[in-house]
Every structure is written in structure tokens, then in C-alpha cells.
Amino acid sequence: GKKLVTNPYAEIFDKAVSPEKQGEIDAANRFLGMLVSAHNSGEEYDLRELAHEAEIPYETAQEIATHIQKRLDRYQRPQ
């Protein structure tokens, strides 16, 4: 018979993540939280300092910040 697939995406998300990779994910999430908080405060922030605090490479911080800024720009109301 035919196998019933209730959630075709489950196997994508159920894969085990190595402790090293999980550490990288946790650090990126920490950085993202700090970045969004800094952005929402309206005050200036130092991306390099946030990256250092979150323990991620500055280049990774730049990539994340650029991606997030593009997303935020979509939702800005016209002046």
C-alpha cells in the first residue's frame, strides 16, 4: 500500500544537530536578539561590539544584520 505522510517536512527538522553546530546556532540567536533589541531602542549600536558579546564572527554579524535590515525595510511605512 501507499505510505501516508502526515508531515512531509518533519524529517528536515528532526535531524540531530552536533553540539558544535548547536553552539553556533545559539550564538547567532543571541546576536539576533541583541540586534533587534538595539534596533528597537532607536539608539546607535556598534555591530562589532554586539558580535563580540554574542561570540560570533563579525562577518557573520554583518550578514545577519544585512538580511534583517532588508526584512525590516519591507515593513517601514512611507514617510
PDB file of N, CA and C in Angstrom:
ATOM      1  N   GLY A   1       0.815  -1.189   0.000  1.00  0.00           N
ATOM      2  CA  GLY A   1       0.000   0.000   0.000  1.00  0.00           C
ATOM      3  C   GLY A   1       0.853   1.245   0.000  1.00  0.00           C
ATOM      4  N   LYS A   2       0.149   2.323  -0.029  1.00  0.00           N
ATOM      5  CA  LYS A   2       0.789   3.633  -0.063  1.00  0.00           C
ATOM      6  C   LYS A   2       1.030   4.137   1.359  1.00  0.00           C
ATOM      7  N   LYS A   3       2.214   4.687   1.598  1.00  0.00           N
ATOM      8  CA  LYS A   3       2.553   5.209   2.916  1.00  0.00           C
ATOM      9  C   LYS A   3       1.936   6.599   3.074  1.00  0.00           C
ATOM     10  N   LEU A   4       1.221   6.802   4.163  1.00  0.00           N
ATOM     11  CA  LEU A   4       0.599   8.085   4.448  1.00  0.00           C
ATOM     12  C   LEU A   4       1.627   8.993   5.120  1.00  0.00           C
ATOM     13  N   VAL A   5       1.865  10.148   4.526  1.00  0.00           N
ATOM     14  CA  VAL A   5       2.814  11.111   5.082  1.00  0.00           C
ATOM     15  C   VAL A   5       2.013  12.258   5.688  1.00  0.00           C
ATOM     16  N   THR A   6       2.043  12.344   7.019  1.00  0.00           N
ATOM     17  CA  THR A   6       1.269  13.392   7.687  1.00  0.00           C
ATOM     18  C   THR A   6       2.008  14.721   7.739  1.00  0.00           C
ATOM     19  N   ASN A   7       3.324  14.668   7.791  1.00  0.00           N
ATOM     20  CA  ASN A   7       4.115  15.889   7.816  1.00  0.00           C
ATOM     21  C   ASN A   7       5.367  15.677   6.975  1.00  0.00           C
ATOM     22  N   PRO A   8       5.325  16.068   5.712  1.00  0.00           N
ATOM     23  CA  PRO A   8       6.455  15.804   4.819  1.00  0.00           C
ATOM     24  C   PRO A   8       7.734  16.545   5.210  1.00  0.00           C
ATOM     25  N   TYR A   9       7.631  17.576   6.037  1.00  0.00           N
ATOM     26  CA  TYR A   9       8.807  18.355   6.417  1.00  0.00           C
ATOM     27  C   TYR A   9       9.426  17.898   7.734  1.00  0.00           C
ATOM     28  N   ALA A  10       8.791  16.980   8.424  1.00  0.00           N
ATOM     29  CA  ALA A  10       9.260  16.552   9.744  1.00  0.00           C
ATOM     30  C   ALA A  10      10.697  16.053   9.712  1.00  0.00           C
ATOM     31  N   GLU A  11      11.046  15.273   8.708  1.00  0.00           N
ATOM     32  CA  GLU A  11      12.402  14.711   8.693  1.00  0.00           C
ATOM     33  C   GLU A  11      13.462  15.784   8.498  1.00  0.00           C
ATOM     34  N   ILE A  12      13.114  16.904   7.892  1.00  0.00           N
ATOM     35  CA  ILE A  12      14.068  18.001   7.730  1.00  0.00           C
ATOM     36  C   ILE A  12      14.430  18.579   9.094  1.00  0.00           C
ATOM     37  N   PHE A  13      13.423  18.734   9.951  1.00  0.00           N
ATOM     38  CA  PHE A  13      13.629  19.393  11.229  1.00  0.00           C
ATOM     39  C   PHE A  13      13.981  18.446  12.364  1.00  0.00           C
ATOM     40  N   ASP A  14      13.837  17.161  12.154  1.00  0.00           N
ATOM     41  CA  ASP A  14      14.119  16.187  13.200  1.00  0.00           C
ATOM     42  C   ASP A  14      15.573  15.723  13.220  1.00  0.00           C
ATOM     43  N   LYS A  15      16.380  16.203  12.297  1.00  0.00           N
ATOM     44  CA  LYS A  15      17.766  15.768  12.240  1.00  0.00           C
ATOM     45  C   LYS A  15      18.525  16.268  13.465  1.00  0.00           C
ATOM     46  N   ALA A  16      19.361  15.405  13.994  1.00  0.00           N
ATOM     47  CA  ALA A  16      20.168  15.772  15.160  1.00  0.00           C
ATOM     48  C   ALA A  16      21.204  16.816  14.753  1.00  0.00           C
ATOM     49  N   VAL A  17      21.455  17.743  15.649  1.00  0.00           N
ATOM     50  CA  VAL A  17      22.432  18.798  15.413  1.00  0.00           C
ATOM     51  C   VAL A  17      23.611  18.544  16.342  1.00  0.00           C
ATOM     52  N   SER A  18      24.811  18.640  15.789  1.00  0.00           N
ATOM     53  CA  SER A  18      26.004  18.420  16.610  1.00  0.00           C
ATOM     54  C   SER A  18      26.089  19.513  17.678  1.00  0.00           C
ATOM     55  N   PRO A  19      26.718  19.208  18.803  1.00  0.00           N
ATOM     56  CA  PRO A  19      26.870  20.229  19.859  1.00  0.00           C
ATOM     57  C   PRO A  19      27.572  21.490  19.347  1.00  0.00           C
ATOM     58  N   GLU A  20      28.550  21.307  18.454  1.00  0.00           N
ATOM     59  CA  GLU A  20      29.270  22.454  17.895  1.00  0.00           C
ATOM     60  C   GLU A  20      28.325  23.332  17.080  1.00  0.00           C
ATOM     61  N   LYS A  21      27.546  22.687  16.210  1.00  0.00           N
ATOM     62  CA  LYS A  21      26.596  23.423  15.372  1.00  0.00           C
ATOM     63  C   LYS A  21      25.530  24.090  16.238  1.00  0.00           C
ATOM     64  N   GLN A  22      25.065  23.385  17.282  1.00  0.00           N
ATOM     65  CA  GLN A  22      24.059  23.962  18.179  1.00  0.00           C
ATOM     66  C   GLN A  22      24.617  25.199  18.872  1.00  0.00           C
ATOM     67  N   GLY A  23      25.897  25.162  19.218  1.00  0.00           N
ATOM     68  CA  GLY A  23      26.547  26.327  19.827  1.00  0.00           C
ATOM     69  C   GLY A  23      26.549  27.518  18.889  1.00  0.00           C
ATOM     70  N   GLU A  24      26.806  27.262  17.602  1.00  0.00           N
ATOM     71  CA  GLU A  24      26.791  28.328  16.601  1.00  0.00           C
ATOM     72  C   GLU A  24      25.386  28.899  16.441  1.00  0.00           C
ATOM     73  N   ILE A  25      24.399  28.023  16.431  1.00  0.00           N
ATOM     74  CA  ILE A  25      23.004  28.452  16.307  1.00  0.00           C
ATOM     75  C   ILE A  25      22.609  29.292  17.517  1.00  0.00           C
ATOM     76  N   ASP A  26      22.981  28.838  18.705  1.00  0.00           N
ATOM     77  CA  ASP A  26      22.660  29.573  19.930  1.00  0.00           C
ATOM     78  C   ASP A  26      23.306  30.958  19.923  1.00  0.00           C
ATOM     79  N   ALA A  27      24.566  31.034  19.483  1.00  0.00           N
ATOM     80  CA  ALA A  27      25.268  32.317  19.427  1.00  0.00           C
ATOM     81  C   ALA A  27      24.606  33.251  18.416  1.00  0.00           C
ATOM     82  N   ALA A  28      24.212  32.714  17.257  1.00  0.00           N
ATOM     83  CA  ALA A  28      23.536  33.531  16.242  1.00  0.00           C
ATOM     84  C   ALA A  28      22.193  34.029  16.767  1.00  0.00           C
ATOM     85  N   ASN A  29      21.469  33.186  17.478  1.00  0.00           N
ATOM     86  CA  ASN A  29      20.193  33.602  18.068  1.00  0.00           C
ATOM     87  C   ASN A  29      20.403  34.669  19.135  1.00  0.00           C
ATOM     88  N   ARG A  30      21.461  34.520  19.925  1.00  0.00           N
ATOM     89  CA  ARG A  30      21.792  35.519  20.943  1.00  0.00           C
ATOM     90  C   ARG A  30      22.071  36.861  20.264  1.00  0.00           C
ATOM     91  N   PHE A  31      22.870  36.821  19.199  1.00  0.00           N
ATOM     92  CA  PHE A  31      23.187  38.037  18.449  1.00  0.00           C
ATOM     93  C   PHE A  31      21.923  38.657  17.868  1.00  0.00           C
ATOM     94  N   LEU A  32      21.078  37.834  17.289  1.00  0.00           N
ATOM     95  CA  LEU A  32      19.845  38.331  16.683  1.00  0.00           C
ATOM     96  C   LEU A  32      18.976  39.043  17.718  1.00  0.00           C
ATOM     97  N   GLY A  33      18.851  38.464  18.894  1.00  0.00           N
ATOM     98  CA  GLY A  33      18.082  39.104  19.961  1.00  0.00           C
ATOM     99  C   GLY A  33      18.668  40.450  20.354  1.00  0.00           C
ATOM    100  N   MET A  34      19.992  40.497  20.460  1.00  0.00           N
ATOM    101  CA  MET A  34      20.666  41.744  20.816  1.00  0.00           C
ATOM    102  C   MET A  34      20.499  42.784  19.714  1.00  0.00           C
ATOM    103  N   LEU A  35      20.607  42.349  18.467  1.00  0.00           N
ATOM    104  CA  LEU A  35      20.479  43.256  17.331  1.00  0.00           C
ATOM    105  C   LEU A  35      19.077  43.856  17.264  1.00  0.00           C
ATOM    106  N   VAL A  36      18.067  43.027  17.390  1.00  0.00           N
ATOM    107  CA  VAL A  36      16.684  43.509  17.328  1.00  0.00           C
ATOM    108  C   VAL A  36      16.406  44.456  18.494  1.00  0.00           C
ATOM    109  N   SER A  37      16.893  44.110  19.671  1.00  0.00           N
ATOM    110  CA  SER A  37      16.711  44.969  20.841  1.00  0.00           C
ATOM    111  C   SER A  37      17.376  46.329  20.622  1.00  0.00           C
ATOM    112  N   ALA A  38      18.598  46.308  20.112  1.00  0.00           N
ATOM    113  CA  ALA A  38      19.317  47.555  19.841  1.00  0.00           C
ATOM    114  C   ALA A  38      18.593  48.372  18.774  1.00  0.00           C
ATOM    115  N   HIS A  39      18.140  47.710  17.735  1.00  0.00           N
ATOM    116  CA  HIS A  39      17.416  48.391  16.654  1.00  0.00           C
ATOM    117  C   HIS A  39      16.134  49.027  17.189  1.00  0.00           C
ATOM    118  N   ASN A  40      15.386  48.280  17.982  1.00  0.00           N
ATOM    119  CA  ASN A  40      14.113  48.772  18.507  1.00  0.00           C
ATOM    120  C   ASN A  40      14.283  49.915  19.498  1.00  0.00           C
ATOM    121  N   SER A  41      15.440  49.989  20.146  1.00  0.00           N
ATOM    122  CA  SER A  41      15.684  51.067  21.109  1.00  0.00           C
ATOM    123  C   SER A  41      15.846  52.405  20.397  1.00  0.00           C
ATOM    124  N   GLY A  42      16.199  52.345  19.112  1.00  0.00           N
ATOM    125  CA  GLY A  42      16.393  53.570  18.344  1.00  0.00           C
ATOM    126  C   GLY A  42      17.746  54.216  18.574  1.00  0.00           C
ATOM    127  N   GLU A  43      18.534  53.656  19.465  1.00  0.00           N
ATOM    128  CA  GLU A  43      19.855  54.209  19.745  1.00  0.00           C
ATOM    129  C   GLU A  43      20.888  53.580  18.817  1.00  0.00           C
ATOM    130  N   GLU A  44      22.003  54.295  18.637  1.00  0.00           N
ATOM    131  CA  GLU A  44      23.073  53.746  17.809  1.00  0.00           C
ATOM    132  C   GLU A  44      23.719  52.572  18.534  1.00  0.00           C
ATOM    133  N   TYR A  45      24.226  51.635  17.759  1.00  0.00           N
ATOM    134  CA  TYR A  45      24.901  50.472  18.338  1.00  0.00           C
ATOM    135  C   TYR A  45      26.087  50.119  17.466  1.00  0.00           C
ATOM    136  N   ASP A  46      27.032  49.429  18.068  1.00  0.00           N
ATOM    137  CA  ASP A  46      28.246  49.006  17.382  1.00  0.00           C
ATOM    138  C   ASP A  46      28.099  47.527  17.027  1.00  0.00           C
ATOM    139  N   LEU A  47      27.975  47.244  15.754  1.00  0.00           N
ATOM    140  CA  LEU A  47      27.775  45.876  15.285  1.00  0.00           C
ATOM    141  C   LEU A  47      28.930  44.968  15.707  1.00  0.00           C
ATOM    142  N   ARG A  48      30.126  45.510  15.647  1.00  0.00           N
ATOM    143  CA  ARG A  48      31.312  44.726  16.035  1.00  0.00           C
ATOM    144  C   ARG A  48      31.239  44.349  17.521  1.00  0.00           C
ATOM    145  N   GLU A  49      30.774  45.278  18.346  1.00  0.00           N
ATOM    146  CA  GLU A  49      30.643  45.019  19.782  1.00  0.00           C
ATOM    147  C   GLU A  49      29.561  43.967  20.051  1.00  0.00           C
ATOM    148  N   LEU A  50      28.431  44.064  19.347  1.00  0.00           N
ATOM    149  CA  LEU A  50      27.367  43.069  19.509  1.00  0.00           C
ATOM    150  C   LEU A  50      27.862  41.684  19.100  1.00  0.00           C
ATOM    151  N   ALA A  51      28.604  41.626  17.999  1.00  0.00           N
ATOM    152  CA  ALA A  51      29.148  40.346  17.530  1.00  0.00           C
ATOM    153  C   ALA A  51      30.088  39.760  18.581  1.00  0.00           C
ATOM    154  N   HIS A  52      30.927  40.614  19.144  1.00  0.00           N
ATOM    155  CA  HIS A  52      31.868  40.155  20.172  1.00  0.00           C
ATOM    156  C   HIS A  52      31.117  39.618  21.389  1.00  0.00           C
ATOM    157  N   GLU A  53      30.097  40.366  21.846  1.00  0.00           N
ATOM    158  CA  GLU A  53      29.304  39.933  23.008  1.00  0.00           C
ATOM    159  C   GLU A  53      28.607  38.599  22.753  1.00  0.00           C
ATOM    160  N   ALA A  54      28.100  38.421  21.532  1.00  0.00           N
ATOM    161  CA  ALA A  54      27.372  37.190  21.189  1.00  0.00           C
ATOM    162  C   ALA A  54      28.315  36.052  20.820  1.00  0.00           C
ATOM    163  N   GLU A  55      29.608  36.379  20.699  1.00  0.00           N
ATOM    164  CA  GLU A  55      30.627  35.387  20.350  1.00  0.00           C
ATOM    165  C   GLU A  55      30.411  34.786  18.967  1.00  0.00           C
ATOM    166  N   ILE A  56      30.141  35.683  17.996  1.00  0.00           N
ATOM    167  CA  ILE A  56      30.062  35.248  16.602  1.00  0.00           C
ATOM    168  C   ILE A  56      31.048  36.077  15.788  1.00  0.00           C
ATOM    169  N   PRO A  57      31.515  35.553  14.651  1.00  0.00           N
ATOM    170  CA  PRO A  57      32.420  36.326  13.800  1.00  0.00           C
ATOM    171  C   PRO A  57      31.731  37.599  13.289  1.00  0.00           C
ATOM    172  N   TYR A  58      32.515  38.666  13.176  1.00  0.00           N
ATOM    173  CA  TYR A  58      31.976  39.944  12.700  1.00  0.00           C
ATOM    174  C   TYR A  58      31.334  39.788  11.320  1.00  0.00           C
ATOM    175  N   GLU A  59      31.951  38.983  10.455  1.00  0.00           N
ATOM    176  CA  GLU A  59      31.414  38.780   9.104  1.00  0.00           C
ATOM    177  C   GLU A  59      30.020  38.148   9.164  1.00  0.00           C
ATOM    178  N   THR A  60      29.835  37.218  10.076  1.00  0.00           N
ATOM    179  CA  THR A  60      28.525  36.589  10.258  1.00  0.00           C
ATOM    180  C   THR A  60      27.527  37.625  10.756  1.00  0.00           C
ATOM    181  N   ALA A  61      27.962  38.466  11.681  1.00  0.00           N
ATOM    182  CA  ALA A  61      27.099  39.532  12.205  1.00  0.00           C
ATOM    183  C   ALA A  61      26.664  40.466  11.081  1.00  0.00           C
ATOM    184  N   GLN A  62      27.594  40.811  10.193  1.00  0.00           N
ATOM    185  CA  GLN A  62      27.262  41.679   9.062  1.00  0.00           C
ATOM    186  C   GLN A  62      26.217  41.026   8.164  1.00  0.00           C
ATOM    187  N   GLU A  63      26.389  39.747   7.874  1.00  0.00           N
ATOM    188  CA  GLU A  63      25.434  39.033   7.019  1.00  0.00           C
ATOM    189  C   GLU A  63      24.046  39.015   7.648  1.00  0.00           C
ATOM    190  N   ILE A  64      23.983  38.699   8.933  1.00  0.00           N
ATOM    191  CA  ILE A  64      22.696  38.650   9.627  1.00  0.00           C
ATOM    192  C   ILE A  64      22.062  40.036   9.643  1.00  0.00           C
ATOM    193  N   ALA A  65      22.849  41.058   9.983  1.00  0.00           N
ATOM    194  CA  ALA A  65      22.328  42.425  10.069  1.00  0.00           C
ATOM    195  C   ALA A  65      21.802  42.901   8.719  1.00  0.00           C
ATOM    196  N   THR A  66      22.514  42.600   7.647  1.00  0.00           N
ATOM    197  CA  THR A  66      22.069  42.992   6.305  1.00  0.00           C
ATOM    198  C   THR A  66      20.757  42.311   5.962  1.00  0.00           C
ATOM    199  N   HIS A  67      20.667  41.030   6.248  1.00  0.00           N
ATOM    200  CA  HIS A  67      19.447  40.269   5.968  1.00  0.00           C
ATOM    201  C   HIS A  67      18.264  40.831   6.762  1.00  0.00           C
ATOM    202  N   ILE A  68      18.478  41.090   8.037  1.00  0.00           N
ATOM    203  CA  ILE A  68      17.412  41.608   8.893  1.00  0.00           C
ATOM    204  C   ILE A  68      16.993  43.001   8.436  1.00  0.00           C
ATOM    205  N   GLN A  69      17.958  43.847   8.075  1.00  0.00           N
ATOM    206  CA  GLN A  69      17.622  45.203   7.635  1.00  0.00           C
ATOM    207  C   GLN A  69      16.757  45.167   6.383  1.00  0.00           C
ATOM    208  N   LYS A  70      17.056  44.261   5.459  1.00  0.00           N
ATOM    209  CA  LYS A  70      16.228  44.125   4.254  1.00  0.00           C
ATOM    210  C   LYS A  70      14.807  43.744   4.625  1.00  0.00           C
ATOM    211  N   ARG A  71      14.655  42.845   5.589  1.00  0.00           N
ATOM    212  CA  ARG A  71      13.320  42.427   6.039  1.00  0.00           C
ATOM    213  C   ARG A  71      12.591  43.587   6.709  1.00  0.00           C
ATOM    214  N   LEU A  72      13.306  44.321   7.563  1.00  0.00           N
ATOM    215  CA  LEU A  72      12.679  45.443   8.261  1.00  0.00           C
ATOM    216  C   LEU A  72      12.259  46.541   7.290  1.00  0.00           C
ATOM    217  N   ASP A  73      13.070  46.762   6.258  1.00  0.00           N
ATOM    218  CA  ASP A  73      12.750  47.795   5.267  1.00  0.00           C
ATOM    219  C   ASP A  73      11.427  47.516   4.569  1.00  0.00           C
ATOM    220  N   ARG A  74      11.073  46.263   4.429  1.00  0.00           N
ATOM    221  CA  ARG A  74       9.800  45.903   3.795  1.00  0.00           C
ATOM    222  C   ARG A  74       8.603  46.424   4.580  1.00  0.00           C
ATOM    223  N   TYR A  75       8.782  46.530   5.899  1.00  0.00           N
ATOM    224  CA  TYR A  75       7.657  46.874   6.765  1.00  0.00           C
ATOM    225  C   TYR A  75       7.654  48.323   7.224  1.00  0.00           C
ATOM    226  N   GLN A  76       8.613  49.099   6.745  1.00  0.00           N
ATOM    227  CA  GLN A  76       8.638  50.514   7.106  1.00  0.00           C
ATOM    228  C   GLN A  76       7.517  51.237   6.376  1.00  0.00           C
ATOM    229  N   ARG A  77       6.830  52.070   7.101  1.00  0.00           N
ATOM    230  CA  ARG A  77       5.761  52.850   6.471  1.00  0.00           C
ATOM    231  C   ARG A  77       6.373  54.010   5.707  1.00  0.00           C
ATOM    232  N   PRO A  78       5.786  54.351   4.566  1.00  0.00           N
ATOM    233  CA  PRO A  78       6.284  55.520   3.827  1.00  0.00           C
ATOM    234  C   PRO A  78       6.127  56.778   4.681  1.00  0.00           C
ATOM    235  N   GLN A  79       7.089  57.655   4.591  1.00  0.00           N
ATOM    236  CA  GLN A  79       7.049  58.908   5.375  1.00  0.00           C
ATOM    237  C   GLN A  79       6.109  59.904   4.754  1.00  0.00           C
TER     238      GLN A  79
END
